[in-house]
Protein backbone atom coordinates (compact mmCIF):
# COMPACT_ATOMS: atom_id res chain seq x y z
CA MET A 1 -60.88 -39.90 19.91
CA GLU A 2 -64.05 -40.74 21.65
CA GLN A 3 -66.04 -37.69 22.79
CA VAL A 4 -66.70 -37.21 26.91
CA VAL A 5 -70.33 -36.67 27.48
CA SER A 6 -70.82 -33.82 30.28
CA ALA A 7 -73.27 -35.67 32.75
CA SER A 8 -74.14 -36.51 36.10
CA CYS A 9 -71.42 -38.90 37.38
CA LEU A 10 -73.53 -40.25 40.35
CA VAL A 11 -72.59 -43.91 41.10
CA SER A 12 -74.39 -44.83 44.53
CA LEU A 13 -75.81 -43.85 48.00
CA ARG A 14 -73.48 -44.44 50.84
CA CYS A 15 -74.61 -43.96 54.72
CA THR A 16 -72.42 -41.42 56.44
CA SER A 17 -72.73 -43.28 59.54
CA CYS A 18 -72.74 -47.28 59.08
CA GLY A 19 -70.95 -47.17 55.74
CA ALA A 20 -73.75 -49.27 53.85
CA THR A 21 -74.43 -48.45 50.33
CA TYR A 22 -77.45 -48.39 48.05
CA PRO A 23 -78.39 -47.97 44.39
CA ALA A 24 -78.51 -44.57 43.41
CA ASP A 25 -81.69 -45.12 41.12
CA GLU A 26 -84.12 -46.15 43.75
CA ILE A 27 -86.22 -43.73 45.87
CA HIS A 28 -84.46 -43.77 49.33
CA THR A 29 -84.89 -41.28 52.55
CA THR A 30 -82.32 -41.97 55.39
CA CYS A 31 -80.14 -45.30 55.30
CA PRO A 32 -82.51 -48.75 55.78
CA ALA A 33 -79.79 -50.31 58.17
CA CYS A 34 -79.55 -47.80 60.72
CA GLY A 35 -81.88 -44.53 59.64
CA LYS A 36 -78.82 -42.05 59.29
CA VAL A 37 -77.93 -39.75 56.45
CA LEU A 38 -77.41 -41.04 53.23
CA PHE A 39 -74.77 -39.06 50.86
CA ALA A 40 -74.58 -38.91 46.77
CA GLU A 41 -71.34 -40.82 45.91
CA TYR A 42 -69.64 -39.61 42.25
CA ASP A 43 -67.44 -41.31 40.07
CA LEU A 44 -65.05 -38.18 40.65
CA GLU A 45 -62.57 -39.66 38.20
CA ARG A 46 -64.85 -39.48 35.38
CA ALA A 47 -66.01 -36.20 36.40
CA ALA A 48 -62.57 -34.33 36.19
CA GLN A 49 -62.60 -35.05 32.54
CA THR A 50 -65.12 -32.70 32.16
CA LEU A 51 -65.62 -30.28 35.37
CA THR A 52 -62.61 -28.24 34.63
CA ARG A 53 -61.94 -24.56 35.36
CA GLU A 54 -61.95 -23.92 31.64
CA ALA A 55 -65.02 -25.73 31.09
CA LEU A 56 -66.75 -23.65 33.97
CA ARG A 57 -66.10 -20.42 32.15
CA SER A 58 -68.51 -21.08 29.44
CA ARG A 59 -71.39 -22.17 31.48
CA PRO A 60 -74.44 -20.60 32.96
CA TRP A 61 -74.36 -19.12 36.48
CA THR A 62 -76.83 -21.83 38.04
CA LEU A 63 -76.03 -24.47 40.28
CA TRP A 64 -76.24 -27.27 37.07
CA ARG A 65 -73.18 -25.39 36.02
CA TYR A 66 -71.66 -28.12 38.22
CA HIS A 67 -73.76 -31.02 37.08
CA GLU A 68 -71.22 -33.71 37.12
CA LEU A 69 -71.58 -33.64 40.94
CA MET A 70 -75.26 -33.05 40.89
CA PRO A 71 -77.53 -35.82 40.99
CA VAL A 72 -79.95 -35.56 38.36
CA ARG A 73 -79.05 -37.76 35.31
CA ASP A 74 -81.34 -36.75 32.62
CA PRO A 75 -80.64 -32.79 31.63
CA ALA A 76 -84.28 -32.66 31.05
CA SER A 77 -85.27 -33.32 34.47
CA ARG A 78 -83.07 -30.38 35.92
CA LEU A 79 -85.58 -27.72 37.26
CA THR A 80 -84.46 -24.39 37.40
CA LEU A 81 -85.64 -21.17 38.05
CA GLY A 82 -82.30 -19.24 37.87
CA GLU A 83 -80.83 -20.87 41.24
CA GLY A 84 -77.34 -20.55 42.18
CA GLY A 85 -74.84 -17.71 41.24
CA THR A 86 -75.58 -15.40 44.11
CA PRO A 87 -73.23 -12.33 44.02
CA LEU A 88 -70.19 -12.52 46.70
CA LEU A 89 -69.96 -8.93 47.97
CA ARG A 90 -67.34 -7.11 49.60
CA GLY A 91 -68.38 -5.91 53.11
CA GLU A 92 -66.28 -2.78 53.30
CA ARG A 93 -68.31 -0.69 55.79
CA LEU A 94 -69.85 -3.76 57.86
CA GLY A 95 -66.14 -4.92 57.93
CA GLN A 96 -65.23 -1.41 59.34
CA ALA A 97 -67.58 -1.72 62.03
CA LEU A 98 -66.88 -5.33 63.09
CA GLY A 99 -63.14 -5.03 62.62
CA LEU A 100 -62.81 -7.17 59.84
CA SER A 101 -60.92 -5.98 56.77
CA ARG A 102 -61.36 -8.60 54.77
CA LEU A 103 -65.21 -9.44 54.91
CA TRP A 104 -67.17 -10.99 52.35
CA LEU A 105 -70.62 -11.36 52.06
CA LYS A 106 -72.65 -14.14 50.29
CA ASP A 107 -76.04 -13.04 49.40
CA GLU A 108 -78.26 -15.76 49.00
CA SER A 109 -81.61 -13.55 49.34
CA GLN A 110 -80.91 -13.29 45.75
CA ASN A 111 -81.81 -16.92 44.72
CA PRO A 112 -85.68 -17.73 43.57
CA THR A 113 -87.97 -17.54 46.32
CA GLY A 114 -85.71 -15.07 48.33
CA SER A 115 -83.51 -17.63 50.54
CA PHE A 116 -80.63 -20.51 49.90
CA LYS A 117 -83.50 -22.77 50.07
CA ALA A 118 -84.01 -22.80 46.56
CA ARG A 119 -80.79 -24.45 46.23
CA GLY A 120 -81.63 -27.78 47.98
CA LEU A 121 -85.24 -28.03 47.03
CA ALA A 122 -84.25 -27.86 43.43
CA ALA A 123 -81.79 -30.58 43.50
CA ALA A 124 -84.46 -32.33 45.55
CA VAL A 125 -87.42 -32.14 43.43
CA SER A 126 -85.63 -32.47 40.20
CA ARG A 127 -84.29 -35.47 41.65
CA ALA A 128 -87.91 -36.62 42.79
CA LYS A 129 -89.37 -36.09 39.65
CA GLU A 130 -86.70 -38.12 37.84
CA LEU A 131 -87.14 -40.92 40.29
CA GLY A 132 -90.76 -40.99 39.51
CA ALA A 133 -92.41 -39.39 42.86
CA LYS A 134 -95.98 -38.74 42.40
CA ALA A 135 -96.19 -35.94 45.32
CA VAL A 136 -93.44 -34.09 47.59
CA ALA A 137 -93.92 -32.80 51.07
CA ILE A 138 -91.82 -30.93 53.76
CA PRO A 139 -91.85 -29.71 57.15
CA SER A 140 -90.70 -26.32 57.27
CA ALA A 141 -90.02 -23.12 59.08
CA GLY A 142 -91.00 -21.29 55.84
CA ASN A 143 -88.18 -20.91 53.64
CA ALA A 144 -87.96 -24.54 52.57
CA ALA A 145 -91.86 -24.98 52.03
CA ALA A 146 -91.72 -21.80 49.58
CA ALA A 147 -88.85 -23.05 47.53
CA MET A 148 -90.22 -26.77 47.50
CA SER A 149 -93.51 -25.30 46.35
CA ALA A 150 -92.08 -23.12 43.56
CA TYR A 151 -90.12 -26.25 42.15
CA ALA A 152 -92.92 -28.54 42.25
CA ALA A 153 -95.05 -26.14 40.44
CA ARG A 154 -92.30 -25.89 37.82
CA ALA A 155 -92.34 -30.08 37.89
CA GLY A 156 -95.92 -30.47 38.00
CA LEU A 157 -96.12 -32.29 41.19
CA PRO A 158 -98.42 -31.81 43.93
CA ALA A 159 -96.95 -30.32 47.47
CA TYR A 160 -97.75 -30.95 50.52
CA VAL A 161 -96.50 -28.25 53.38
CA PHE A 162 -96.74 -28.56 57.03
CA MET A 163 -95.52 -25.16 59.01
CA PRO A 164 -95.58 -24.18 62.55
CA ALA A 165 -98.86 -22.24 63.30
CA ASP A 166 -96.76 -19.11 64.35
CA THR A 167 -94.91 -19.22 60.97
CA PRO A 168 -94.62 -15.57 59.60
CA PRO A 169 -97.49 -14.78 57.31
CA ALA A 170 -96.14 -13.95 54.06
CA MET A 171 -94.70 -17.79 53.95
CA PRO A 172 -97.71 -19.95 53.74
CA ALA A 173 -99.34 -17.05 51.59
CA GLU A 174 -96.46 -17.75 49.06
CA CYS A 175 -96.85 -21.30 49.12
CA ARG A 176 -100.26 -21.20 48.92
CA ALA A 177 -99.82 -18.94 45.62
CA TYR A 178 -97.76 -21.58 44.37
CA GLY A 179 -100.81 -24.18 44.63
CA ALA A 180 -99.37 -26.00 47.64
CA HIS A 181 -101.60 -27.63 50.09
CA VAL A 182 -100.75 -25.65 53.31
CA PHE A 183 -101.25 -26.99 56.66
CA LEU A 184 -100.21 -24.60 59.69
CA VAL A 185 -99.51 -27.09 62.77
CA ARG A 186 -99.55 -26.37 66.71
CA GLY A 187 -95.92 -26.72 67.41
CA LEU A 188 -92.66 -26.69 66.05
CA ILE A 189 -90.79 -27.82 62.96
CA ASN A 190 -89.98 -31.39 64.30
CA ASP A 191 -93.64 -31.77 65.27
CA CYS A 192 -94.47 -30.93 61.56
CA GLY A 193 -92.12 -33.73 60.62
CA ARG A 194 -94.13 -36.21 62.24
CA VAL A 195 -96.86 -35.39 60.44
CA VAL A 196 -95.41 -35.58 57.17
CA ARG A 197 -93.50 -38.87 58.04
CA ALA A 198 -96.90 -40.41 58.73
CA GLY A 199 -98.48 -38.88 55.58
CA ALA A 200 -95.61 -40.29 53.42
CA GLU A 201 -96.32 -43.64 54.72
CA ARG A 202 -100.11 -43.61 54.26
CA PHE A 203 -99.92 -41.37 51.04
CA GLY A 204 -96.78 -42.11 49.05
CA TRP A 205 -95.87 -38.61 49.34
CA MET A 206 -91.78 -38.22 48.72
CA ASP A 207 -90.40 -36.70 52.10
CA VAL A 208 -87.84 -34.06 51.22
CA SER A 209 -87.05 -33.09 55.07
CA THR A 210 -83.84 -31.79 55.71
CA LEU A 211 -81.16 -34.69 55.47
CA LYS A 212 -84.05 -37.04 55.39
CA GLU A 213 -83.20 -37.70 51.75
CA PRO A 214 -80.06 -37.66 49.83
CA TYR A 215 -80.38 -34.64 47.44
CA ARG A 216 -80.91 -31.22 49.17
CA ALA A 217 -77.37 -31.61 50.51
CA GLU A 218 -76.40 -31.75 46.85
CA GLY A 219 -78.18 -28.44 46.14
CA LYS A 220 -76.85 -26.79 49.25
CA LYS A 221 -73.19 -27.93 48.76
CA THR A 222 -72.98 -25.76 45.63
CA MET A 223 -72.76 -22.81 47.61
CA GLY A 224 -69.29 -24.60 48.79
CA LEU A 225 -68.18 -24.82 45.15
CA GLU A 226 -69.13 -21.70 43.76
CA LEU A 227 -67.48 -19.56 46.66
CA ALA A 228 -64.19 -21.43 45.62
CA GLU A 229 -64.79 -20.59 42.28
CA GLN A 230 -65.68 -16.98 43.27
CA LEU A 231 -62.90 -16.85 45.14
CA GLY A 232 -60.31 -17.84 42.41
CA TRP A 233 -60.32 -21.67 43.53
CA ARG A 234 -59.13 -20.91 47.28
CA LEU A 235 -61.04 -21.02 50.28
CA PRO A 236 -61.47 -18.13 53.17
CA ASP A 237 -60.11 -18.17 56.50
CA ALA A 238 -63.62 -18.42 57.91
CA ILE A 239 -67.05 -19.05 57.30
CA VAL A 240 -70.08 -17.91 59.59
CA TYR A 241 -73.09 -19.83 58.79
CA PRO A 242 -76.75 -19.71 60.56
CA THR A 243 -77.52 -22.84 61.78
CA GLY A 244 -80.68 -25.04 61.88
CA GLY A 245 -80.79 -28.79 60.19
CA GLY A 246 -77.19 -27.71 59.15
CA THR A 247 -77.61 -28.95 55.31
CA GLY A 248 -75.71 -26.06 54.35
CA ILE A 249 -72.67 -26.63 56.57
CA VAL A 250 -72.98 -30.50 55.63
CA GLY A 251 -73.09 -29.59 52.04
CA MET A 252 -70.38 -27.28 51.68
CA TRP A 253 -67.93 -29.58 53.60
CA LYS A 254 -68.73 -32.27 51.54
CA ALA A 255 -68.06 -29.85 48.46
CA PHE A 256 -64.77 -28.94 49.62
CA ASP A 257 -63.70 -32.52 49.78
CA GLU A 258 -64.83 -33.28 46.33
CA LEU A 259 -63.04 -30.07 44.99
CA GLU A 260 -59.86 -31.29 46.45
CA ARG A 261 -60.41 -34.84 45.04
CA LEU A 262 -60.91 -33.24 41.73
CA GLY A 263 -57.93 -31.41 42.06
CA LEU A 264 -59.34 -27.90 41.75
CA ILE A 265 -58.59 -26.63 45.41
CA GLY A 266 -56.01 -27.83 47.80
CA ARG A 267 -55.72 -29.40 51.73
CA GLU A 268 -56.64 -26.04 53.23
CA ARG A 269 -60.09 -25.67 54.69
CA PRO A 270 -62.16 -22.57 56.10
CA ARG A 271 -63.27 -22.48 59.80
CA MET A 272 -66.75 -23.58 59.69
CA ILE A 273 -68.67 -21.55 62.66
CA VAL A 274 -71.97 -22.23 63.24
CA VAL A 275 -74.27 -19.74 65.04
CA GLN A 276 -77.51 -20.33 66.49
CA ALA A 277 -80.28 -18.41 69.06
CA GLU A 278 -79.73 -18.52 72.59
CA GLY A 279 -83.65 -19.78 72.53
CA CYS A 280 -82.38 -23.02 70.26
CA ALA A 281 -79.02 -24.21 70.41
CA PRO A 282 -78.82 -27.98 70.34
CA ILE A 283 -75.67 -28.08 68.44
CA VAL A 284 -73.87 -25.09 70.64
CA ARG A 285 -74.66 -27.34 73.56
CA ALA A 286 -73.27 -30.36 71.96
CA PHE A 287 -70.14 -28.69 70.99
CA GLN A 288 -69.53 -27.29 74.45
CA ALA A 289 -70.16 -30.74 75.80
CA GLY A 290 -67.92 -32.14 73.29
CA VAL A 291 -70.23 -34.82 72.42
CA ARG A 292 -71.13 -36.07 68.72
CA HIS A 293 -74.91 -36.11 68.76
CA ALA A 294 -77.36 -33.03 70.24
CA ASP A 295 -79.98 -33.77 72.31
CA PRO A 296 -83.44 -32.34 71.56
CA TRP A 297 -83.83 -28.65 72.82
CA ARG A 298 -86.63 -27.99 75.17
CA ASP A 299 -89.28 -24.76 74.71
CA ALA A 300 -87.11 -23.42 71.76
CA HIS A 301 -88.20 -20.12 70.95
CA THR A 302 -86.43 -17.26 68.62
CA VAL A 303 -87.40 -14.33 66.30
CA ALA A 304 -85.70 -16.41 63.56
CA PRO A 305 -88.05 -19.24 62.29
CA GLY A 306 -85.23 -20.80 60.11
CA ILE A 307 -83.04 -21.73 63.07
CA ARG A 308 -85.63 -22.86 65.25
CA VAL A 309 -84.80 -26.40 64.76
CA PRO A 310 -84.98 -28.39 68.04
CA VAL A 311 -83.09 -31.68 66.56
CA ALA A 312 -81.20 -31.99 63.66
CA ILE A 313 -81.01 -35.66 62.20
CA GLY A 314 -77.47 -34.83 60.61
CA ASP A 315 -76.15 -33.29 64.24
CA TYR A 316 -73.10 -35.60 63.86
CA LEU A 317 -72.03 -34.40 60.37
CA ILE A 318 -72.40 -30.66 61.37
CA LEU A 319 -70.21 -31.57 64.56
CA ASP A 320 -67.70 -33.35 62.69
CA ALA A 321 -67.17 -30.52 60.16
CA VAL A 322 -66.84 -27.88 62.66
CA ARG A 323 -64.35 -29.72 64.90
CA ALA A 324 -62.39 -31.04 61.73
CA SER A 325 -62.05 -27.33 60.70
CA GLY A 326 -61.09 -25.97 64.01
CA GLY A 327 -64.28 -23.80 63.99
CA THR A 328 -66.66 -23.13 66.59
CA ALA A 329 -70.26 -22.75 67.64
CA LEU A 330 -71.75 -20.10 69.34
CA THR A 331 -74.95 -18.40 70.37
CA VAL A 332 -76.53 -14.92 69.77
CA SER A 333 -79.48 -13.15 71.36
CA ASP A 334 -82.74 -12.01 69.00
CA GLU A 335 -81.85 -8.62 69.68
CA GLU A 336 -78.34 -9.11 68.58
CA MET A 337 -79.55 -10.62 65.45
CA LEU A 338 -82.34 -7.86 64.85
CA GLU A 339 -79.05 -5.32 65.40
CA GLY A 340 -77.18 -7.15 62.63
CA VAL A 341 -80.27 -6.89 60.39
CA ARG A 342 -80.43 -3.04 60.80
CA LEU A 343 -76.35 -2.92 60.28
CA LEU A 344 -76.62 -5.01 56.93
CA ALA A 345 -79.24 -2.53 55.55
CA ARG A 346 -77.71 0.57 56.99
CA LEU A 347 -73.97 -0.18 56.02
CA GLU A 348 -74.47 -2.37 53.30
CA GLY A 349 -77.59 -1.92 51.40
CA LEU A 350 -78.92 -5.56 52.27
CA PHE A 351 -82.13 -6.23 53.82
CA VAL A 352 -81.65 -9.82 55.12
CA SER A 353 -83.69 -12.57 57.48
CA PRO A 354 -82.90 -12.65 61.19
CA GLU A 355 -81.13 -15.94 60.63
CA ALA A 356 -78.63 -13.71 57.99
CA GLY A 357 -78.54 -11.14 61.02
CA ALA A 358 -77.43 -13.75 63.31
CA THR A 359 -73.74 -14.06 61.38
CA VAL A 360 -73.17 -10.17 62.07
CA ALA A 361 -73.48 -10.84 65.77
CA ALA A 362 -71.49 -13.87 65.59
CA ALA A 363 -68.66 -12.26 63.62
CA ARG A 364 -68.81 -9.19 66.26
CA ARG A 365 -68.92 -11.41 69.13
CA LEU A 366 -65.86 -13.73 67.64
CA ARG A 367 -63.87 -10.62 66.91
CA GLU A 368 -64.21 -9.31 70.19
CA ARG A 369 -63.13 -12.28 71.86
CA GLY A 370 -60.21 -12.43 69.40
CA GLU A 371 -61.37 -15.96 67.80
CA LEU A 372 -61.35 -13.88 64.30
CA GLY A 373 -58.23 -11.86 63.61
CA PRO A 374 -58.62 -8.24 61.76
CA ASP A 375 -57.28 -9.61 58.48
CA ASP A 376 -59.19 -13.09 58.44
CA GLU A 377 -60.89 -13.81 55.45
CA THR A 378 -64.06 -14.19 56.70
CA VAL A 379 -67.70 -15.16 54.92
CA LEU A 380 -70.64 -14.53 56.29
CA PHE A 381 -73.53 -16.39 54.67
CA LEU A 382 -76.69 -14.39 54.40
CA THR A 383 -79.38 -17.13 53.91
CA GLY A 384 -82.69 -15.26 53.41
CA SER A 385 -84.66 -12.03 52.57
CA GLY A 386 -85.67 -9.49 54.99
CA LEU A 387 -88.88 -8.93 52.73
CA LYS A 388 -90.70 -11.94 54.72
CA HIS A 389 -90.19 -10.46 57.97
CA LEU A 390 -91.68 -7.20 57.67
CA GLU A 391 -93.20 -7.96 61.22
CA LEU A 392 -90.07 -7.59 62.73
CA VAL A 393 -89.24 -4.18 61.30
CA GLU A 394 -91.08 -1.08 63.48
CA GLY A 395 -91.86 1.82 61.60
CA ASP A 396 -93.98 5.23 62.85
CA TYR A 397 -94.23 7.12 59.90
CA PRO A 398 -94.97 10.92 59.60
CA VAL A 399 -97.51 11.83 56.99
CA LEU A 400 -97.32 14.82 55.58
CA ASP A 401 -99.60 17.26 53.76
CA PRO A 402 -98.03 18.70 50.51
CA ASP A 403 -100.46 21.92 50.85
CA ASP A 404 -99.16 22.38 54.38
CA PRO A 405 -96.81 25.77 54.12
CA GLY A 406 -95.02 24.40 57.39
CA VAL A 407 -93.76 21.08 55.52
CA LEU A 408 -90.26 22.07 55.15
CA ASP A 409 -90.03 23.15 58.55
CA ARG A 410 -91.24 19.73 59.72
CA LEU A 411 -88.43 18.33 57.68
CA ALA A 412 -85.68 20.65 58.56
CA ALA A 413 -84.70 18.57 61.51
CA VAL A 414 -84.06 15.33 59.48
CA ALA A 415 -82.56 17.04 56.58
CA GLY A 416 -80.17 18.72 58.73
CA ARG A 417 -80.83 22.49 57.11
CA LYS A 418 -82.68 25.41 57.42
CA GLY A 419 -84.01 27.88 54.87
């Protein structure tokens, strides 16, 4: 019997709008015909021969465990820093506070560089190197730039990073540490994108902007593959996801379709719930208006840089997934996000980014409105670490003199006892 070789089953690229197809082994960004998002397509019949529940039991817990459904052909080109395999934690104490008895927390902050962005950029930079790219460039609110810079360093590729000038200082510093060329731009992430596009055209960089190349979504879809596997090959009732460019929603929705076609899950789908900031909510506005494309948001502002995205090229794909799943889209305030951060830290021991805090605020709002039932199995995606946002944590710390005879008296009120 001929031995089946376990490898990528990538066959082509397909436009999600006009349906045109293109060879997979050429460098493409968006569809040359219509400018919309390209998806990687796989030979799922061939993938099913080796991507089985039994085979997965012996594979390492990185995103490359799903290599049949990943776009990198040569195993030697798979860059890894240990991304993927993040824990799915029961949120028992937080669930009690929110009135949700079956709450799960998918902690993406445990990825390399502290966020879910490691998944998408591991795939995108790996594929860029495999296709012969000489340099990579990205517009970013912070975490994506850090991830790209790290994987570019791993690949030995020059990296060019463009961030809004008010990006939290930890993020450009991290990129510089990885050896990236870091530039701060007066404006928002879409303004950074204009600089990247012009630079890519002039200098030949590969632009790895959100959904403006086909492979970041492939890395992000592993969140959906992983979630199904961690739940015993079933899906939850609802997924709450902080949404800027929306690659995570788009990628997971694609993953669920591929898993069903492989026979690994059934037809059931979770309600996909988009949460955005009150100060930047183009997807929520489009959802509420019943339209398929989102107009750019003016004067975008929020403490959560990852969801301060005024315009998303994949708007129609995000909105399609939300509507097809029976999901919804809602906004929360910056203060509600920060309260979510505090609740996760104090009730579950997880210090997360404000974007992740937004999922807590959204779940609370939906439970109060009755749109999440008390027994609905709900997954909150905690997309990043709070360690890059220390400026949002206020602290006035008492300073003690250990030789002061009254030091314990000073502690009594906090310790709750005397004597």
